[in-house]
């Protein structure tokens, strides 16, 4: 009985120690490689396998698979690429990417939607829809109308040979790399520019978490604020996969100091749609 009690106490202590590293469900895409050699053999082309999940622990599928319906893969020449062997299981989704061009591929899951809240006959109601149809779902005469458009991007990148330039998309929130995004090196800072609707955004929080939390025993997250030019310099102390995350407007716990012209709603009429933007990316940092 004493041994059982000790084991039980030990298990309880382990759970207590692990509690601080628990985090919200995060979305991520992780490629089997971020740098590959382009095959010269047409019969044996280069492939990369990509995993995607929504999890409690970064890069460990333990909760729910990503829905791949809105997956967008852009080749170095700007063309769209179809995935192969896509499969969604209970805990993760997976697909193969054929790498047929030299340069950098952008692998992104893009979700856009809208919701509205309002009062009708004194009763609070909420509806969901698309950006195009959400206004039509609000009945005439509704009061306290609030409409929000949301746009999220979950990204990762794969380079064959020399990296190519990643041009800003100009919509939503994004991290523009100020160096080749697949050439990050441990011990050297990663430099990025935060863009909101294509313009540099100051005062935006960028959260960075290194993988391996499961074995580290602590989350080890760091939060950086973009400067007046929208730029951030991120510490990358060791090699491995890192998760980057940013949202706009800032969440209440991030403070109210961040500001951008696109989020000034003081003079807008009631019911004017507001924007909620989020971005996350998995980037690999190579050994020095």
Protein backbone atom coordinates (compact mmCIF):
# COMPACT_ATOMS: atom_id res chain seq x y z
CA UNK A 1 0.00 0.00 0.00
CA UNK A 2 2.85 2.37 0.80
CA UNK A 3 4.33 1.78 -2.66
CA UNK A 4 0.96 2.50 -4.30
CA UNK A 5 0.58 5.68 -2.26
CA UNK A 6 4.07 6.81 -3.29
CA UNK A 7 3.31 6.14 -6.96
CA UNK A 8 0.02 8.00 -6.68
CA UNK A 9 1.71 10.92 -4.98
CA UNK A 10 4.42 10.89 -7.63
CA UNK A 11 1.85 10.95 -10.43
CA UNK A 12 0.05 13.84 -8.77
CA UNK A 13 3.31 15.76 -8.40
CA UNK A 14 4.10 15.17 -12.07
CA UNK A 15 0.73 16.62 -13.07
CA UNK A 16 1.32 19.65 -10.87
CA UNK A 17 4.75 20.23 -12.37
CA UNK A 18 3.38 19.87 -15.88
CA UNK A 19 0.48 22.26 -15.29
CA UNK A 20 2.41 25.50 -16.06
CA UNK A 21 3.27 24.29 -19.56
CA UNK A 22 -0.34 23.68 -20.55
CA UNK A 23 -1.52 26.00 -23.29
CA UNK A 24 -4.49 26.72 -25.49
CA UNK A 25 -5.18 24.63 -28.55
CA UNK A 26 -2.75 25.81 -31.22
CA UNK A 27 -2.89 25.16 -34.95
CA UNK A 28 0.22 24.17 -36.86
CA UNK A 29 1.61 22.72 -40.07
CA UNK A 30 4.96 20.91 -39.89
CA UNK A 31 6.84 19.72 -43.01
CA UNK A 32 9.13 16.70 -42.92
CA UNK A 33 11.84 19.00 -44.30
CA UNK A 34 12.10 22.73 -44.98
CA UNK A 35 15.13 22.47 -47.27
CA UNK A 36 15.32 19.86 -50.02
CA UNK A 37 17.35 19.09 -53.12
CA UNK A 38 15.41 19.24 -56.36
CA UNK A 39 15.42 15.85 -58.03
CA UNK A 40 16.87 15.56 -61.52
CA UNK A 41 15.08 12.24 -62.03
CA UNK A 42 11.56 12.75 -63.38
CA UNK A 43 10.60 9.25 -62.28
CA UNK A 44 11.61 9.96 -58.68
CA UNK A 45 10.56 13.55 -57.95
CA UNK A 46 11.18 15.29 -54.63
CA UNK A 47 8.40 15.10 -52.06
CA UNK A 48 7.78 16.58 -48.62
CA UNK A 49 5.15 15.26 -46.21
CA UNK A 50 3.29 17.80 -44.10
CA UNK A 51 1.46 17.12 -40.82
CA UNK A 52 -1.25 19.41 -39.48
CA UNK A 53 -3.08 19.43 -36.17
CA UNK A 54 -4.75 21.43 -33.42
CA UNK A 55 -3.03 20.43 -30.21
CA UNK A 56 -2.32 21.24 -26.59
CA UNK A 57 1.40 20.53 -27.03
CA UNK A 58 3.15 22.06 -30.00
CA UNK A 59 3.96 19.62 -32.80
CA UNK A 60 2.45 16.65 -30.95
CA UNK A 61 -0.99 15.70 -32.31
CA UNK A 62 -3.06 15.15 -29.18
CA UNK A 63 -6.39 16.87 -29.78
CA UNK A 64 -7.85 17.33 -33.25
CA UNK A 65 -6.77 17.24 -36.93
CA UNK A 66 -6.63 20.32 -39.11
CA UNK A 67 -9.37 20.68 -41.69
CA UNK A 68 -7.52 20.87 -45.01
CA UNK A 69 -10.46 22.23 -47.03
CA UNK A 70 -8.93 25.70 -47.33
CA UNK A 71 -5.34 24.66 -47.93
CA UNK A 72 -3.48 26.92 -50.38
CA UNK A 73 0.00 26.00 -51.61
CA UNK A 74 1.87 28.52 -53.72
CA UNK A 75 4.88 27.51 -55.82
CA UNK A 76 7.89 29.82 -56.29
CA UNK A 77 6.49 31.04 -59.62
CA UNK A 78 3.19 32.01 -58.00
CA UNK A 79 1.17 29.10 -59.36
CA UNK A 80 -1.10 26.99 -57.15
CA UNK A 81 -0.10 23.43 -56.31
CA UNK A 82 -2.45 20.52 -55.62
CA UNK A 83 -1.59 18.24 -52.71
CA UNK A 84 -1.32 14.48 -53.01
CA UNK A 85 -2.38 11.67 -50.67
CA UNK A 86 -4.28 13.96 -48.32
CA UNK A 87 -5.72 12.14 -45.30
CA UNK A 88 -7.44 13.28 -42.14
CA UNK A 89 -7.30 10.99 -39.14
CA UNK A 90 -8.54 11.30 -35.58
CA UNK A 91 -5.64 13.42 -34.30
CA UNK A 92 -3.86 14.84 -37.34
CA UNK A 93 -4.09 15.51 -41.05
CA UNK A 94 -1.31 14.68 -43.49
CA UNK A 95 -0.54 15.29 -47.15
CA UNK A 96 2.32 15.07 -49.63
CA UNK A 97 3.73 18.03 -51.53
CA UNK A 98 5.54 17.43 -54.81
CA UNK A 99 8.45 19.86 -55.08
CA UNK A 100 9.06 20.47 -58.77
CA UNK A 101 10.48 24.01 -58.84
CA UNK A 102 13.55 25.66 -57.38
CA UNK A 103 12.74 28.28 -54.76
CA UNK A 104 10.42 28.65 -51.77
CA UNK A 105 6.93 27.15 -51.48
CA UNK A 106 4.33 28.74 -49.21
CA UNK A 107 2.07 26.17 -47.54
CA UNK A 108 -0.92 27.88 -45.93
CA UNK A 109 -4.27 27.05 -44.41
CA UNK A 110 -6.48 30.12 -44.89
CA UNK A 111 -9.81 30.41 -43.10
CA UNK A 112 -12.15 33.34 -43.51
CA UNK A 113 -15.58 33.82 -42.01
CA UNK A 114 -17.87 36.17 -40.16
CA UNK A 115 -20.23 36.32 -37.23
CA UNK A 116 -22.74 38.81 -35.95
CA UNK A 117 -24.34 39.47 -32.59
CA UNK A 118 -27.50 41.49 -32.06
CA UNK A 119 -30.62 41.87 -29.97
CA UNK A 120 -34.03 41.01 -31.36
CA UNK A 121 -37.10 41.60 -29.20
CA UNK A 122 -34.79 41.96 -26.21
CA UNK A 123 -33.12 38.58 -26.81
CA UNK A 124 -29.38 38.33 -27.50
CA UNK A 125 -28.60 36.32 -30.65
CA UNK A 126 -25.54 35.28 -32.65
CA UNK A 127 -25.22 34.02 -36.21
CA UNK A 128 -22.29 32.81 -38.33
CA UNK A 129 -21.75 33.00 -42.04
CA UNK A 130 -19.46 34.23 -44.77
CA UNK A 131 -18.10 37.72 -45.27
CA UNK A 132 -20.49 38.08 -48.20
CA UNK A 133 -23.72 36.93 -46.53
CA UNK A 134 -23.36 37.79 -42.85
CA UNK A 135 -25.14 41.17 -43.12
CA UNK A 136 -28.16 39.54 -44.74
CA UNK A 137 -28.53 37.24 -41.72
CA UNK A 138 -29.17 40.16 -39.39
CA UNK A 139 -32.92 40.86 -39.36
CA UNK A 140 -34.27 44.32 -40.02
CA UNK A 141 -34.87 46.24 -36.83
CA UNK A 142 -32.21 44.37 -34.86
CA UNK A 143 -30.48 46.37 -32.12
CA UNK A 144 -26.90 46.49 -30.79
CA UNK A 145 -25.61 44.94 -34.02
CA UNK A 146 -21.94 43.91 -34.03
CA UNK A 147 -20.42 42.25 -37.11
CA UNK A 148 -16.92 40.77 -37.19
CA UNK A 149 -14.97 39.45 -40.16
CA UNK A 150 -12.22 36.99 -39.27
CA UNK A 151 -9.22 35.92 -41.31
CA UNK A 152 -6.60 33.44 -40.12
CA UNK A 153 -3.50 32.00 -41.76
CA UNK A 154 -1.51 28.97 -40.61
CA UNK A 155 1.71 28.64 -42.61
CA UNK A 156 4.97 26.88 -43.15
CA UNK A 157 7.57 26.99 -45.93
CA UNK A 158 9.67 24.59 -48.01
CA UNK A 159 12.66 25.56 -50.16
CA UNK A 160 14.27 23.61 -52.97
CA UNK A 161 17.78 24.85 -53.74
CA UNK A 162 18.22 28.59 -53.34
CA UNK A 163 15.36 30.41 -51.54
CA UNK A 164 13.17 32.82 -53.45
CA UNK A 165 11.70 36.11 -52.24
CA UNK A 166 8.40 35.93 -50.39
CA UNK A 167 6.36 38.97 -51.34
CA UNK A 168 3.80 40.31 -48.85
CA UNK A 169 0.25 39.14 -49.46
CA UNK A 170 -1.25 42.49 -48.53
CA UNK A 171 -4.23 41.13 -46.64
CA UNK A 172 -4.81 40.14 -43.02
CA UNK A 173 -1.89 40.00 -40.61
CA UNK A 174 1.40 38.45 -41.72
CA UNK A 175 5.05 38.22 -40.74
CA UNK A 176 7.24 39.33 -43.60
CA UNK A 177 10.66 37.66 -43.23
CA UNK A 178 13.58 40.06 -43.64
CA UNK A 179 15.91 37.17 -44.47
CA UNK A 180 15.32 33.87 -46.31
CA UNK A 181 12.64 32.23 -44.17
CA UNK A 182 14.13 28.72 -44.47
CA UNK A 183 17.67 29.88 -43.68
CA UNK A 184 17.22 30.76 -40.00
CA UNK A 185 20.24 29.71 -37.91
CA UNK A 186 20.51 29.01 -34.19
CA UNK A 187 22.25 31.78 -32.28
CA UNK A 188 21.37 34.41 -34.86
CA UNK A 189 18.30 36.64 -34.52
CA UNK A 190 15.36 36.17 -36.85
CA UNK A 191 14.13 39.46 -38.28
CA UNK A 192 10.55 40.05 -39.41
CA UNK A 193 8.16 42.85 -40.21
CA UNK A 194 4.57 42.70 -38.96
CA UNK A 195 2.13 43.76 -41.66
CA UNK A 196 -1.58 44.44 -41.18
CA UNK A 197 -3.49 44.75 -44.44
CA UNK A 198 -0.15 45.19 -46.18
CA UNK A 199 1.13 48.04 -43.99
CA UNK A 200 3.77 47.91 -41.19
CA UNK A 201 2.06 47.69 -37.80
CA UNK A 202 3.70 48.97 -34.62
CA UNK A 203 3.07 47.60 -31.14
CA UNK A 204 1.83 44.17 -32.24
CA UNK A 205 2.74 41.22 -30.00
CA UNK A 206 4.50 38.28 -31.63
CA UNK A 207 4.63 35.13 -29.52
CA UNK A 208 7.43 32.64 -30.19
CA UNK A 209 7.59 29.11 -28.76
CA UNK A 210 10.28 26.56 -29.52
CA UNK A 211 9.22 22.95 -30.03
CA UNK A 212 10.20 20.26 -27.56
CA UNK A 213 8.04 21.59 -24.71
CA UNK A 214 7.13 17.98 -23.94
CA UNK A 215 10.71 17.29 -22.92
CA UNK A 216 11.69 20.75 -21.66
CA UNK A 217 9.13 20.79 -18.89
CA UNK A 218 8.31 24.47 -19.42
CA UNK A 219 6.59 26.40 -22.16
CA UNK A 220 9.44 28.86 -22.62
CA UNK A 221 7.36 31.26 -24.68
CA UNK A 222 8.62 34.76 -25.43
CA UNK A 223 6.62 37.75 -26.61
CA UNK A 224 8.11 40.49 -28.77
CA UNK A 225 6.54 43.83 -29.74
CA UNK A 226 6.95 45.27 -33.22
CA UNK A 227 8.72 48.64 -33.29
CA UNK A 228 7.70 51.85 -35.03
CA UNK A 229 8.57 50.27 -38.39
CA UNK A 230 6.64 47.11 -37.60
CA UNK A 231 9.86 45.15 -37.17
CA UNK A 232 10.77 42.52 -34.58
CA UNK A 233 14.07 40.77 -33.86
CA UNK A 234 13.49 37.30 -32.39
CA UNK A 235 15.94 35.24 -30.33
CA UNK A 236 16.54 31.73 -31.72
CA UNK A 237 18.88 30.12 -29.17
CA UNK A 238 18.85 26.55 -30.49
CA UNK A 239 17.99 24.51 -33.57
CA UNK A 240 14.58 22.99 -34.14
CA UNK A 241 11.02 23.93 -35.04
CA UNK A 242 9.58 27.20 -33.68
CA UNK A 243 5.97 28.39 -33.63
CA UNK A 244 5.23 32.07 -34.32
CA UNK A 245 1.87 33.63 -33.55
CA UNK A 246 0.34 37.09 -33.83
CA UNK A 247 -3.16 38.54 -33.84
CA UNK A 248 -4.79 41.87 -34.52
CA UNK A 249 -6.36 43.82 -32.90
CA UNK A 250 -4.45 42.80 -29.77
CA UNK A 251 -6.26 40.60 -27.31
CA UNK A 252 -7.18 42.32 -24.02
CA UNK A 253 -4.30 40.64 -22.15
CA UNK A 254 -1.82 42.01 -24.71
CA UNK A 255 -2.57 45.59 -23.72
CA UNK A 256 -4.21 48.46 -25.47
CA UNK A 257 -1.13 50.25 -26.74
CA UNK A 258 -1.15 48.64 -30.20
CA UNK A 259 -2.90 50.80 -32.76
CA UNK A 260 -3.44 50.76 -36.48
CA UNK A 261 -5.48 52.95 -38.77
CA UNK A 262 -7.49 49.96 -39.95
CA UNK A 263 -8.81 49.37 -36.43
CA UNK A 264 -10.05 52.83 -35.60
CA UNK A 265 -13.79 52.23 -35.24
CA UNK A 266 -14.69 55.28 -33.21
CA UNK A 267 -16.38 57.08 -36.14
CA UNK A 268 -17.96 54.02 -37.73
CA UNK A 269 -21.70 53.50 -37.84
CA UNK A 270 -23.20 50.74 -35.67
CA UNK A 271 -23.03 47.41 -37.47
CA UNK A 272 -19.96 48.33 -39.52
CA UNK A 273 -17.87 45.13 -39.78
CA UNK A 274 -14.72 44.91 -37.72
CA UNK A 275 -11.74 42.70 -38.54
CA UNK A 276 -10.18 39.98 -36.36
CA UNK A 277 -6.90 38.77 -37.82
CA UNK A 278 -4.61 35.96 -36.73
CA UNK A 279 -1.43 34.42 -38.06
CA UNK A 280 0.79 31.50 -37.09
CA UNK A 281 3.75 29.85 -38.75
CA UNK A 282 6.07 26.95 -38.11
CA UNK A 283 9.66 27.81 -39.02
CA UNK A 284 12.71 25.60 -38.77
CA UNK A 285 15.94 26.89 -37.26
CA UNK A 286 19.08 25.12 -38.42
CA UNK A 287 22.20 24.34 -36.38
CA UNK A 288 24.94 26.96 -36.58
